[in-house]
């Protein structure tokens, strides 16, 4: 989920450290990046799901590290995001509907019999929860900078409300022009490299207006389904992890910590990071993820 005015100058949204692939999807090919094949036999496959206004490139900084640690990493544009087509029906972008899409991707990636680990960032966390509730068979679930349900009142909710009328009447390009004018007031945006600014604009404008509207509505209305998720994880014996940036201002750190407790999941904090540790401090995030994922797949090692 993009944070207005707070784009990190350390962000590493790139397209070159992953192989572009297409995966089967209900509305057309799902655009994806795949990390390099690990040396030797892969420990498992990690499917990384981005948040609102995000894309597969948000996880590019993690791909090489996942490969070096023995995991094959795959990250996608959800339907309607950037380079993946999506329908005009806004209801198709609710977490339950997108969760079924992700559950199908999990089945596809796990068809060779290897374990699949699932990670969702921000709105993507609500989507991967939907995938688990849809019956996705995974070896572990990671929620990154996500929460139990709808966003609380605040700057992020206000931005969703402000952008909706323009998205409906004039589309993503006009809405992003307003966002750029707002961002221009912030020093962090002023220091953002021009190439990154251009990518962020290109990605937003290429996204489906229906997708942006449907996902935004979910961020306003998604109910707390943590108890249902906890039952699903317990029933399948699936371990979980909740990870938050220490300065996250979407769902609060205490809220995320409490969610981990309700899930019976581990909790970890990434220092020197806010809402997007995957771009703000990817090395620290990788250390947490790799250690946890290895313990899940080799609990006696």
Protein backbone atom coordinates (compact mmCIF):
# COMPACT_ATOMS: atom_id res chain seq x y z
CA UNK A 1 0.00 0.00 0.00
CA UNK A 2 1.59 3.24 -1.08
CA UNK A 3 1.99 5.81 1.68
CA UNK A 4 1.24 9.33 0.48
CA UNK A 5 4.22 11.59 0.92
CA UNK A 6 6.36 8.93 2.57
CA UNK A 7 8.06 7.11 -0.32
CA UNK A 8 11.34 5.83 1.06
CA UNK A 9 14.45 7.05 -0.72
CA UNK A 10 15.86 3.59 0.01
CA UNK A 11 13.10 1.91 -1.98
CA UNK A 12 14.41 -0.59 -4.50
CA UNK A 13 11.51 -1.09 -6.88
CA UNK A 14 13.28 -2.72 -9.79
CA UNK A 15 12.40 -5.06 -12.62
CA UNK A 16 15.81 -6.59 -13.28
CA UNK A 17 16.57 -9.00 -10.42
CA UNK A 18 13.84 -11.46 -11.28
CA UNK A 19 12.74 -13.34 -14.39
CA UNK A 20 9.41 -12.17 -15.81
CA UNK A 21 6.92 -15.04 -16.09
CA UNK A 22 3.16 -15.42 -16.54
CA UNK A 23 1.01 -17.65 -14.34
CA UNK A 24 -2.52 -18.86 -15.13
CA UNK A 25 -5.27 -16.57 -13.86
CA UNK A 26 -9.05 -16.36 -14.23
CA UNK A 27 -8.98 -13.11 -16.21
CA UNK A 28 -5.78 -13.66 -18.19
CA UNK A 29 -2.13 -14.23 -17.36
CA UNK A 30 -0.96 -13.22 -13.90
CA UNK A 31 2.24 -11.19 -14.33
CA UNK A 32 5.00 -12.41 -12.01
CA UNK A 33 8.67 -12.16 -11.19
CA UNK A 34 10.56 -15.30 -10.24
CA UNK A 35 13.84 -15.32 -8.40
CA UNK A 36 16.79 -17.42 -9.49
CA UNK A 37 16.66 -21.17 -8.92
CA UNK A 38 18.40 -21.93 -5.62
CA UNK A 39 21.56 -24.00 -5.70
CA UNK A 40 20.69 -27.63 -5.06
CA UNK A 41 17.17 -28.69 -4.16
CA UNK A 42 14.88 -25.82 -3.19
CA UNK A 43 13.59 -25.90 0.38
CA UNK A 44 10.26 -24.60 -0.85
CA UNK A 45 8.51 -21.92 -2.90
CA UNK A 46 7.55 -18.56 -1.42
CA UNK A 47 4.62 -16.70 -2.98
CA UNK A 48 4.77 -12.96 -2.22
CA UNK A 49 1.55 -10.93 -2.60
CA UNK A 50 1.65 -7.09 -2.75
CA UNK A 51 -0.67 -4.53 -1.22
CA UNK A 52 -2.95 -1.77 -2.48
CA UNK A 53 -1.45 0.20 -5.40
CA UNK A 54 1.50 -2.21 -5.23
CA UNK A 55 2.96 -4.73 -7.64
CA UNK A 56 5.43 -7.59 -7.94
CA UNK A 57 8.31 -5.10 -8.05
CA UNK A 58 7.73 -4.30 -4.37
CA UNK A 59 9.42 -7.61 -3.54
CA UNK A 60 12.31 -7.40 -5.99
CA UNK A 61 14.74 -6.57 -3.13
CA UNK A 62 13.96 -9.94 -1.52
CA UNK A 63 14.32 -12.27 -4.50
CA UNK A 64 18.10 -12.71 -4.51
CA UNK A 65 18.21 -13.25 -0.75
CA UNK A 66 15.47 -15.85 -0.91
CA UNK A 67 17.37 -17.72 -3.60
CA UNK A 68 20.62 -17.58 -1.64
CA UNK A 69 18.77 -19.03 1.36
CA UNK A 70 17.45 -21.95 -0.70
CA UNK A 71 13.93 -20.75 -1.49
CA UNK A 72 12.38 -20.17 -4.89
CA UNK A 73 10.54 -16.84 -4.63
CA UNK A 74 7.64 -15.83 -6.88
CA UNK A 75 5.87 -12.48 -6.64
CA UNK A 76 2.83 -11.39 -8.61
CA UNK A 77 0.66 -8.52 -9.71
CA UNK A 78 -2.81 -9.37 -8.44
CA UNK A 79 -5.61 -9.10 -11.02
CA UNK A 80 -6.07 -5.45 -11.88
CA UNK A 81 -2.62 -4.45 -10.64
CA UNK A 82 -0.05 -3.03 -13.06
CA UNK A 83 0.58 -5.80 -15.65
CA UNK A 84 -2.14 -8.32 -14.69
CA UNK A 85 -5.56 -7.88 -16.33
CA UNK A 86 -8.68 -7.75 -14.20
CA UNK A 87 -12.46 -7.48 -14.59
CA UNK A 88 -14.58 -4.34 -14.45
CA UNK A 89 -16.58 -5.69 -11.50
CA UNK A 90 -15.38 -3.98 -8.32
CA UNK A 91 -16.60 -6.87 -6.17
CA UNK A 92 -13.98 -9.10 -7.83
CA UNK A 93 -11.32 -7.22 -5.85
CA UNK A 94 -12.56 -8.07 -2.37
CA UNK A 95 -10.10 -10.14 -0.28
CA UNK A 96 -12.26 -13.27 -0.48
CA UNK A 97 -12.44 -13.13 -4.30
CA UNK A 98 -8.75 -12.36 -4.73
CA UNK A 99 -7.99 -14.97 -2.07
CA UNK A 100 -9.45 -17.63 -4.32
CA UNK A 101 -7.15 -16.44 -7.12
CA UNK A 102 -4.16 -16.75 -4.78
CA UNK A 103 -5.33 -20.18 -3.60
CA UNK A 104 -5.31 -21.29 -7.25
CA UNK A 105 -1.79 -19.90 -7.68
CA UNK A 106 -0.66 -21.81 -4.58
CA UNK A 107 -2.05 -25.01 -6.09
CA UNK A 108 -0.25 -24.29 -9.36
CA UNK A 109 3.08 -23.58 -7.68
CA UNK A 110 2.76 -26.60 -5.43
CA UNK A 111 1.88 -28.99 -8.24
CA UNK A 112 5.42 -30.43 -8.18
CA UNK A 113 4.86 -31.53 -4.59
CA UNK A 114 7.11 -28.99 -2.86
CA UNK A 115 5.93 -26.88 0.09
CA UNK A 116 4.55 -23.40 -0.60
CA UNK A 117 4.94 -20.56 1.87
CA UNK A 118 2.59 -17.58 1.52
CA UNK A 119 3.32 -13.94 2.40
CA UNK A 120 1.00 -10.97 2.01
CA UNK A 121 1.90 -7.31 2.52
CA UNK A 122 -0.68 -4.79 3.77
CA UNK A 123 -3.88 -5.29 1.72
CA UNK A 124 -2.14 -8.40 0.39
CA UNK A 125 -2.29 -9.74 3.95
CA UNK A 126 -6.08 -9.61 3.79
CA UNK A 127 -5.90 -11.41 0.44
CA UNK A 128 -3.64 -14.23 1.64
CA UNK A 129 -5.95 -14.63 4.64
CA UNK A 130 -8.74 -15.08 2.10
CA UNK A 131 -6.64 -17.72 0.34
CA UNK A 132 -6.21 -19.72 3.55
CA UNK A 133 -9.93 -19.46 4.27
CA UNK A 134 -10.54 -20.67 0.70
CA UNK A 135 -8.54 -23.81 1.47
CA UNK A 136 -5.07 -22.99 0.11
CA UNK A 137 -2.67 -25.73 1.18
CA UNK A 138 0.42 -23.96 2.45
CA UNK A 139 3.35 -24.77 4.73
CA UNK A 140 3.36 -21.39 6.47
CA UNK A 141 1.69 -17.97 6.45
CA UNK A 142 3.39 -14.59 6.90
CA UNK A 143 1.44 -11.35 7.33
CA UNK A 144 3.62 -8.28 6.71
CA UNK A 145 2.38 -4.84 7.75
CA UNK A 146 -1.21 -6.09 7.71
CA UNK A 147 -4.03 -6.13 10.21
CA UNK A 148 -7.17 -7.86 11.44
CA UNK A 149 -9.65 -5.95 9.27
CA UNK A 150 -10.45 -2.49 7.95
CA UNK A 151 -8.07 0.41 8.25
CA UNK A 152 -8.63 2.70 11.21
CA UNK A 153 -9.61 6.32 10.67
CA UNK A 154 -6.63 8.48 9.75
CA UNK A 155 -4.50 9.75 6.90
CA UNK A 156 -4.67 6.57 4.89
CA UNK A 157 -8.45 6.28 5.13
CA UNK A 158 -8.75 9.96 4.25
CA UNK A 159 -6.62 9.42 1.14
CA UNK A 160 -8.92 6.59 0.01
CA UNK A 161 -12.00 8.76 0.48
CA UNK A 162 -10.44 11.72 -1.33
CA UNK A 163 -9.30 9.70 -4.32
CA UNK A 164 -12.52 7.78 -4.97
CA UNK A 165 -14.59 10.47 -6.77
CA UNK A 166 -11.76 11.32 -9.15
CA UNK A 167 -11.04 7.66 -9.86
CA UNK A 168 -14.69 7.14 -10.75
CA UNK A 169 -15.06 10.18 -12.99
CA UNK A 170 -11.65 10.62 -14.59
CA UNK A 171 -9.65 7.46 -13.96
CA UNK A 172 -6.23 6.56 -12.52
CA UNK A 173 -4.18 9.12 -14.45
CA UNK A 174 -6.13 12.09 -13.10
CA UNK A 175 -6.14 10.62 -9.59
CA UNK A 176 -2.39 10.13 -9.67
CA UNK A 177 -1.79 13.68 -10.85
CA UNK A 178 -3.47 14.88 -7.65
CA UNK A 179 -1.38 12.46 -5.60
CA UNK A 180 1.81 13.82 -7.18
CA UNK A 181 0.82 17.38 -6.30
CA UNK A 182 0.23 16.36 -2.69
CA UNK A 183 3.46 14.34 -2.52
CA UNK A 184 5.47 17.27 -3.85
CA UNK A 185 5.12 18.98 -0.47
CA UNK A 186 7.07 16.23 1.32
CA UNK A 187 10.90 16.18 1.49
CA UNK A 188 10.99 12.38 1.14
CA UNK A 189 9.18 12.62 -2.19
CA UNK A 190 11.41 15.44 -3.36
CA UNK A 191 14.45 13.24 -2.67
CA UNK A 192 12.99 10.21 -4.49
CA UNK A 193 14.94 9.39 -7.69
CA UNK A 194 13.22 10.46 -10.89
CA UNK A 195 13.26 6.93 -12.29
CA UNK A 196 11.41 5.61 -9.25
CA UNK A 197 8.86 8.41 -9.43
CA UNK A 198 8.23 7.56 -13.08
CA UNK A 199 7.80 3.87 -12.26
CA UNK A 200 5.31 4.61 -9.49
CA UNK A 201 3.30 6.79 -11.85
CA UNK A 202 3.40 4.22 -14.66
CA UNK A 203 2.30 1.44 -12.32
CA UNK A 204 -0.61 3.37 -10.86
CA UNK A 205 -1.88 4.59 -14.22
CA UNK A 206 -1.68 1.06 -15.67
CA UNK A 207 -3.77 -0.37 -12.84
CA UNK A 208 -7.48 -1.02 -13.23
CA UNK A 209 -9.76 1.74 -11.94
CA UNK A 210 -12.23 -0.94 -10.86
CA UNK A 211 -9.45 -2.74 -9.04
CA UNK A 212 -8.31 0.40 -7.22
CA UNK A 213 -11.89 1.19 -6.23
CA UNK A 214 -12.74 -2.36 -5.16
CA UNK A 215 -9.59 -2.79 -3.07
CA UNK A 216 -10.10 0.63 -1.47
CA UNK A 217 -13.63 -0.35 -0.51
CA UNK A 218 -12.28 -3.51 1.12
CA UNK A 219 -9.78 -1.45 3.11
CA UNK A 220 -12.75 0.56 4.46
CA UNK A 221 -15.03 -2.39 5.22
CA UNK A 222 -13.15 -5.69 5.68
CA UNK A 223 -14.33 -7.35 8.91
CA UNK A 224 -12.09 -8.83 11.57
CA UNK A 225 -11.62 -12.47 10.50
CA UNK A 226 -8.67 -13.28 12.74
CA UNK A 227 -10.56 -15.89 14.75
CA UNK A 228 -11.65 -17.69 11.57
CA UNK A 229 -8.06 -17.61 10.30
CA UNK A 230 -6.77 -18.93 13.63
CA UNK A 231 -9.16 -21.88 13.41
CA UNK A 232 -8.06 -22.61 9.85
CA UNK A 233 -4.37 -22.50 10.75
CA UNK A 234 -4.87 -24.70 13.83
CA UNK A 235 -6.96 -27.16 11.87
CA UNK A 236 -4.27 -27.63 9.24
CA UNK A 237 -1.32 -27.35 11.60
CA UNK A 238 0.01 -24.37 9.63
CA UNK A 239 2.46 -22.04 11.41
CA UNK A 240 2.16 -18.28 11.15
CA UNK A 241 4.22 -15.13 11.54
CA UNK A 242 3.23 -11.47 11.81
CA UNK A 243 5.92 -8.92 10.90
CA UNK A 244 5.64 -5.15 11.38
CA UNK A 245 7.93 -2.23 10.68
CA UNK A 246 8.67 -0.45 13.94
CA UNK A 247 7.18 2.80 12.61
CA UNK A 248 4.19 1.32 10.76
CA UNK A 249 1.30 3.77 10.60
CA UNK A 250 -1.26 1.75 8.69
CA UNK A 251 -2.30 -0.90 11.20
CA UNK A 252 -0.54 -0.01 14.44
CA UNK A 253 2.25 -2.15 15.86
CA UNK A 254 0.23 -3.00 19.00
CA UNK A 255 -2.69 -4.04 16.79
CA UNK A 256 -0.44 -6.31 14.75
CA UNK A 257 1.16 -7.78 17.87
CA UNK A 258 -2.28 -8.52 19.32
CA UNK A 259 -3.29 -10.17 16.04
CA UNK A 260 -0.26 -12.45 16.25
CA UNK A 261 -1.33 -13.48 19.75
CA UNK A 262 -4.86 -14.28 18.61
CA UNK A 263 -3.45 -16.35 15.75
CA UNK A 264 -0.99 -18.21 17.96
CA UNK A 265 1.65 -16.92 15.53
CA UNK A 266 5.12 -15.51 16.02
CA UNK A 267 5.67 -11.76 15.97
CA UNK A 268 8.72 -9.84 14.76
CA UNK A 269 9.57 -6.16 14.47
CA UNK A 270 11.76 -4.73 11.71
CA UNK A 271 13.86 -1.82 12.87
CA UNK A 272 14.38 1.25 10.68
CA UNK A 273 11.25 0.50 8.70
CA UNK A 274 7.70 1.79 8.52
CA UNK A 275 4.90 0.24 6.47
CA UNK A 276 7.06 -1.42 3.79
CA UNK A 277 10.08 -3.21 5.30
CA UNK A 278 10.47 -5.08 1.99
CA UNK A 279 11.77 -1.84 0.43
CA UNK A 280 12.78 0.17 3.50
CA UNK A 281 14.98 -2.45 5.21
CA UNK A 282 14.96 -5.62 3.11
CA UNK A 283 18.12 -7.09 4.66
CA UNK A 284 16.67 -7.01 8.18
CA UNK A 285 13.36 -8.37 6.94
CA UNK A 286 15.08 -11.22 5.11
CA UNK A 287 16.96 -12.24 8.24
CA UNK A 288 13.64 -12.61 10.06
CA UNK A 289 11.86 -14.39 7.23
CA UNK A 290 14.59 -16.86 6.34
CA UNK A 291 15.18 -17.95 9.94
CA UNK A 292 11.45 -18.47 10.47
CA UNK A 293 10.81 -20.24 7.18
CA UNK A 294 13.71 -22.61 7.76
CA UNK A 295 12.37 -23.48 11.20
CA UNK A 296 8.96 -24.22 9.73
CA UNK A 297 10.30 -26.58 7.09
CA UNK A 298 13.05 -28.18 9.22
CA UNK A 299 11.75 -27.90 12.81
CA UNK A 300 14.38 -30.26 14.25
CA UNK A 301 17.39 -28.58 12.62
